[in-house]
Amino acid sequence: MKKIENLGVVIQARLNSQRCPRKMIRPFADTSLLDLCIEKVKASMLPNSNFYLCVGDQELIELGQKQDINIFTRSEASINSEAEKISEIFEWHDKLPFKYVIMVNACCTLLETETINRFIQAYIESDKNGMFGVFEKKNYFWRADGEFLTPQKELNNTKTAESIYEAAHCLYAGSMEDIGNDIWMGDLTKKGEVELFVVPEEETFDIDYEWQFNVAETLYKQKHRS
């Protein structure tokens, strides 16, 4: 059981996305992706004092200041890093006053505060350092060499296929010490080292490209229309 005072929540963002430029602060359903995510985290079960916006661009810093949240100012090396070293991307691992961290992806605009709260509670109760949001898939899967991977009870019936879980890329958790050792959420190659947390698939729509930005805005407006 983890103590809530040892658990921080981080939103990390930057403006230099190549595939969907400035997506964090562009107009989105009369707000922005980053504003939406901040508001959801502020409404969660964790105290706002445990919440940090980790950014380096001045416009993102100013947005965080308007939202009245803690800000960790990222270095140029962190902003421009392309996953060479986990400890460089998440350079706050030895600077924020927490033993564990949860990260929330601001690009998943359909993610609900209730789901964030369930993730937080599950991580507090977990004996694992790593937790990863996933969603359930029941389908046929093959390796590149044609080997069939999906265990099933009946042939030609996906309803009887065993569930496989796909990374949702919306909620993550790990320990600061592991990040310092360039390990994020534990060793993914070791069975059982990372605990899986199932997120409703409809909340996992992630924005990487322009077309996804437009689709996400349409879905969000439909979901929240009065």
Protein backbone atom coordinates (compact mmCIF):
# COMPACT_ATOMS: atom_id res chain seq x y z
CA MET A 1 0.00 0.00 0.00
CA LYS A 2 1.49 3.33 -1.08
CA LYS A 3 0.96 6.51 0.89
CA ILE A 4 -0.87 9.23 -1.01
CA GLU A 5 1.65 11.86 0.11
CA ASN A 6 4.36 9.90 -1.71
CA LEU A 7 2.48 9.95 -5.00
CA GLY A 8 2.72 12.78 -7.54
CA VAL A 9 0.79 13.30 -10.75
CA VAL A 10 2.49 14.79 -13.80
CA ILE A 11 1.28 16.14 -17.13
CA GLN A 12 4.26 16.56 -19.43
CA ALA A 13 3.90 18.56 -22.64
CA ARG A 14 5.78 20.45 -25.34
CA LEU A 15 4.90 22.48 -28.43
CA ASN A 16 7.35 21.06 -30.96
CA SER A 17 5.19 18.18 -32.20
CA GLN A 18 5.94 17.61 -35.89
CA ARG A 19 2.84 15.62 -36.83
CA CYS A 20 0.28 17.91 -35.18
CA PRO A 21 1.98 21.25 -34.42
CA ARG A 22 1.01 23.14 -31.26
CA LYS A 23 -1.76 20.65 -30.52
CA MET A 24 -1.56 21.27 -26.76
CA ILE A 25 -2.81 24.86 -26.97
CA ARG A 26 -4.70 25.05 -30.26
CA PRO A 27 -8.44 25.78 -29.95
CA PHE A 28 -10.27 22.54 -29.16
CA ALA A 29 -14.01 22.63 -28.39
CA ASP A 30 -13.76 26.16 -26.94
CA THR A 31 -10.79 25.17 -24.77
CA SER A 32 -7.50 23.31 -25.37
CA LEU A 33 -6.13 19.79 -24.88
CA LEU A 34 -3.90 20.90 -22.03
CA ASP A 35 -6.59 22.94 -20.25
CA LEU A 36 -8.96 19.96 -20.39
CA CYS A 37 -6.43 17.56 -18.93
CA ILE A 38 -5.40 19.96 -16.17
CA GLU A 39 -9.02 20.44 -15.14
CA LYS A 40 -9.58 16.67 -14.96
CA VAL A 41 -6.51 16.10 -12.81
CA LYS A 42 -7.40 19.03 -10.52
CA ALA A 43 -10.80 17.38 -10.00
CA SER A 44 -9.21 14.03 -9.08
CA MET A 45 -8.77 12.51 -5.63
CA LEU A 46 -5.15 13.63 -5.25
CA PRO A 47 -4.44 16.99 -3.57
CA ASN A 48 -3.55 19.69 -6.10
CA SER A 49 -0.28 20.15 -4.23
CA ASN A 50 0.73 16.71 -5.60
CA PHE A 51 0.15 17.82 -9.20
CA TYR A 52 2.89 19.21 -11.47
CA LEU A 53 2.80 20.48 -15.04
CA CYS A 54 6.20 19.68 -16.56
CA VAL A 55 6.80 22.02 -19.49
CA GLY A 56 9.46 24.32 -20.93
CA ASP A 57 7.70 26.43 -23.56
CA GLN A 58 6.74 29.87 -22.24
CA GLU A 59 3.16 29.61 -23.54
CA LEU A 60 2.67 26.34 -21.64
CA ILE A 61 4.20 27.81 -18.49
CA GLU A 62 1.78 30.75 -18.69
CA LEU A 63 -1.17 28.39 -19.20
CA GLY A 64 -0.17 26.47 -16.07
CA GLN A 65 0.17 29.70 -14.11
CA LYS A 66 -3.37 30.69 -15.11
CA GLN A 67 -4.57 27.28 -13.90
CA ASP A 68 -2.74 27.89 -10.58
CA ILE A 69 -0.81 24.62 -10.50
CA ASN A 70 2.77 23.65 -9.71
CA ILE A 71 5.16 23.96 -12.65
CA PHE A 72 8.41 22.14 -13.24
CA THR A 73 10.39 23.90 -15.97
CA ARG A 74 11.90 21.40 -18.40
CA SER A 75 15.33 21.88 -19.97
CA GLU A 76 15.95 22.04 -23.71
CA ALA A 77 17.51 18.57 -23.54
CA SER A 78 14.31 17.13 -22.06
CA ILE A 79 12.04 18.95 -24.51
CA ASN A 80 14.03 17.82 -27.55
CA SER A 81 14.79 14.29 -26.36
CA GLU A 82 13.44 11.46 -28.52
CA ALA A 83 13.45 8.71 -25.89
CA GLU A 84 17.21 8.08 -25.85
CA LYS A 85 17.19 8.07 -22.03
CA ILE A 86 14.14 7.84 -19.78
CA SER A 87 15.95 9.79 -17.06
CA GLU A 88 16.57 12.66 -19.50
CA ILE A 89 12.99 12.88 -20.76
CA PHE A 90 11.65 12.68 -17.20
CA GLU A 91 14.40 14.82 -15.68
CA TRP A 92 12.16 15.68 -12.72
CA HIS A 93 12.59 12.14 -11.29
CA ASP A 94 15.07 13.30 -8.64
CA LYS A 95 13.70 16.81 -8.20
CA LEU A 96 9.99 16.40 -7.38
CA PRO A 97 9.22 15.50 -3.73
CA PHE A 98 7.61 12.12 -4.42
CA LYS A 99 8.57 8.43 -4.38
CA TYR A 100 6.09 7.47 -7.12
CA VAL A 101 4.57 9.24 -10.10
CA ILE A 102 1.47 8.90 -12.26
CA MET A 103 1.49 10.48 -15.72
CA VAL A 104 -1.66 11.50 -17.57
CA ASN A 105 -1.57 11.98 -21.35
CA ALA A 106 -3.24 15.27 -22.33
CA CYS A 107 -3.78 13.94 -25.87
CA CYS A 108 -6.49 11.53 -24.65
CA THR A 109 -9.33 14.02 -24.42
CA LEU A 110 -12.07 11.46 -23.77
CA LEU A 111 -10.39 10.17 -20.60
CA GLU A 112 -12.67 10.75 -17.60
CA THR A 113 -11.73 11.94 -14.10
CA GLU A 114 -13.49 8.86 -12.70
CA THR A 115 -11.07 6.64 -14.64
CA ILE A 116 -8.10 8.70 -13.41
CA ASN A 117 -9.35 8.21 -9.84
CA ARG A 118 -9.71 4.45 -10.30
CA PHE A 119 -6.17 4.31 -11.68
CA ILE A 120 -4.82 6.31 -8.71
CA GLN A 121 -6.60 4.04 -6.22
CA ALA A 122 -5.46 0.89 -7.98
CA TYR A 123 -1.85 2.10 -7.96
CA ILE A 124 -2.00 3.01 -4.28
CA GLU A 125 -3.21 -0.52 -3.49
CA SER A 126 -0.77 -2.26 -5.88
CA ASP A 127 2.45 -3.87 -4.67
CA LYS A 128 4.05 -3.15 -8.08
CA ASN A 129 6.17 -0.12 -8.93
CA GLY A 130 4.82 -0.07 -12.48
CA MET A 131 1.26 0.26 -13.75
CA PHE A 132 0.16 0.71 -17.37
CA GLY A 133 -3.25 1.68 -18.75
CA VAL A 134 -4.45 -0.82 -21.39
CA PHE A 135 -7.65 -1.67 -23.20
CA GLU A 136 -9.11 -5.09 -23.97
CA LYS A 137 -9.09 -6.56 -27.48
CA LYS A 138 -10.86 -9.70 -28.67
CA ASN A 139 -9.65 -10.36 -32.18
CA TYR A 140 -7.31 -12.47 -34.29
CA PHE A 141 -3.60 -11.66 -34.10
CA TRP A 142 -0.62 -13.02 -36.03
CA ARG A 143 3.15 -12.62 -35.89
CA ALA A 144 4.89 -11.21 -38.96
CA ASP A 145 5.90 -14.78 -39.91
CA GLY A 146 2.25 -15.87 -40.00
CA GLU A 147 2.12 -17.66 -36.64
CA PHE A 148 -1.39 -17.35 -35.16
CA LEU A 149 -1.23 -15.88 -31.65
CA THR A 150 -4.82 -15.74 -30.38
CA PRO A 151 -5.86 -18.57 -28.04
CA GLN A 152 -9.51 -19.44 -28.66
CA LYS A 153 -12.12 -22.00 -27.67
CA GLU A 154 -13.87 -22.13 -31.03
CA LEU A 155 -12.53 -21.62 -34.53
CA ASN A 156 -13.83 -18.70 -36.58
CA ASN A 157 -15.47 -16.95 -33.62
CA THR A 158 -13.74 -13.88 -32.19
CA LYS A 159 -16.24 -13.79 -29.30
CA THR A 160 -14.55 -16.86 -27.81
CA ALA A 161 -11.03 -15.51 -28.33
CA GLU A 162 -8.99 -14.91 -25.21
CA SER A 163 -8.53 -11.23 -24.42
CA ILE A 164 -5.34 -9.50 -25.44
CA TYR A 165 -4.49 -6.12 -23.97
CA GLU A 166 -3.24 -3.17 -25.98
CA ALA A 167 -1.34 -0.19 -24.57
CA ALA A 168 -3.74 2.72 -24.09
CA HIS A 169 -1.02 5.41 -23.75
CA CYS A 170 -3.21 7.51 -21.47
CA LEU A 171 -2.23 6.54 -17.91
CA TYR A 172 1.16 5.37 -16.63
CA ALA A 173 2.81 4.95 -13.24
CA GLY A 174 6.28 4.16 -11.94
CA SER A 175 8.80 4.90 -9.22
CA MET A 176 11.18 7.82 -9.29
CA GLU A 177 14.08 5.51 -8.44
CA ASP A 178 13.34 3.29 -11.45
CA ILE A 179 13.20 6.32 -13.74
CA GLY A 180 16.60 7.37 -12.45
CA ASN A 181 17.85 3.96 -13.56
CA ASP A 182 16.26 4.46 -17.00
CA ILE A 183 13.42 2.04 -16.26
CA TRP A 184 9.87 3.23 -16.80
CA MET A 185 7.00 1.25 -15.26
CA GLY A 186 9.24 -1.75 -14.62
CA ASP A 187 10.67 -4.27 -17.06
CA LEU A 188 8.02 -4.88 -19.73
CA THR A 189 9.78 -8.11 -20.78
CA LYS A 190 9.26 -9.73 -17.36
CA LYS A 191 5.87 -11.32 -16.78
CA GLY A 192 3.96 -9.75 -13.92
CA GLU A 193 6.40 -6.94 -13.18
CA VAL A 194 4.05 -4.30 -14.60
CA GLU A 195 0.43 -4.29 -13.42
CA LEU A 196 -2.15 -3.73 -16.17
CA PHE A 197 -5.08 -1.38 -15.58
CA VAL A 198 -7.99 -1.73 -18.01
CA VAL A 199 -9.32 1.58 -19.35
CA PRO A 200 -12.59 1.75 -21.32
CA GLU A 201 -11.51 1.70 -24.96
CA GLU A 202 -13.68 4.70 -25.85
CA GLU A 203 -11.59 6.83 -23.46
CA THR A 204 -8.26 5.93 -25.07
CA PHE A 205 -8.48 7.82 -28.37
CA ASP A 206 -5.05 9.44 -28.72
CA ILE A 207 -4.10 12.44 -30.86
CA ASP A 208 -0.90 12.19 -32.89
CA TYR A 209 -2.02 13.43 -36.31
CA GLU A 210 -4.17 16.25 -37.69
CA TRP A 211 -7.01 13.91 -38.63
CA GLN A 212 -7.07 12.54 -35.07
CA PHE A 213 -7.24 16.09 -33.66
CA ASN A 214 -10.34 16.75 -35.81
CA VAL A 215 -11.98 13.41 -34.99
CA ALA A 216 -11.30 13.83 -31.26
CA GLU A 217 -12.90 17.28 -31.26
CA THR A 218 -16.02 15.91 -32.96
CA LEU A 219 -16.25 13.00 -30.50
CA TYR A 220 -15.70 15.31 -27.53
CA LYS A 221 -18.42 17.73 -28.66
CA GLN A 222 -20.86 14.87 -29.19
CA LYS A 223 -20.11 13.43 -25.77
CA HIS A 224 -20.46 16.75 -23.96
CA ARG A 225 -23.19 18.49 -25.91
CA SER A 226 -25.96 19.85 -23.71
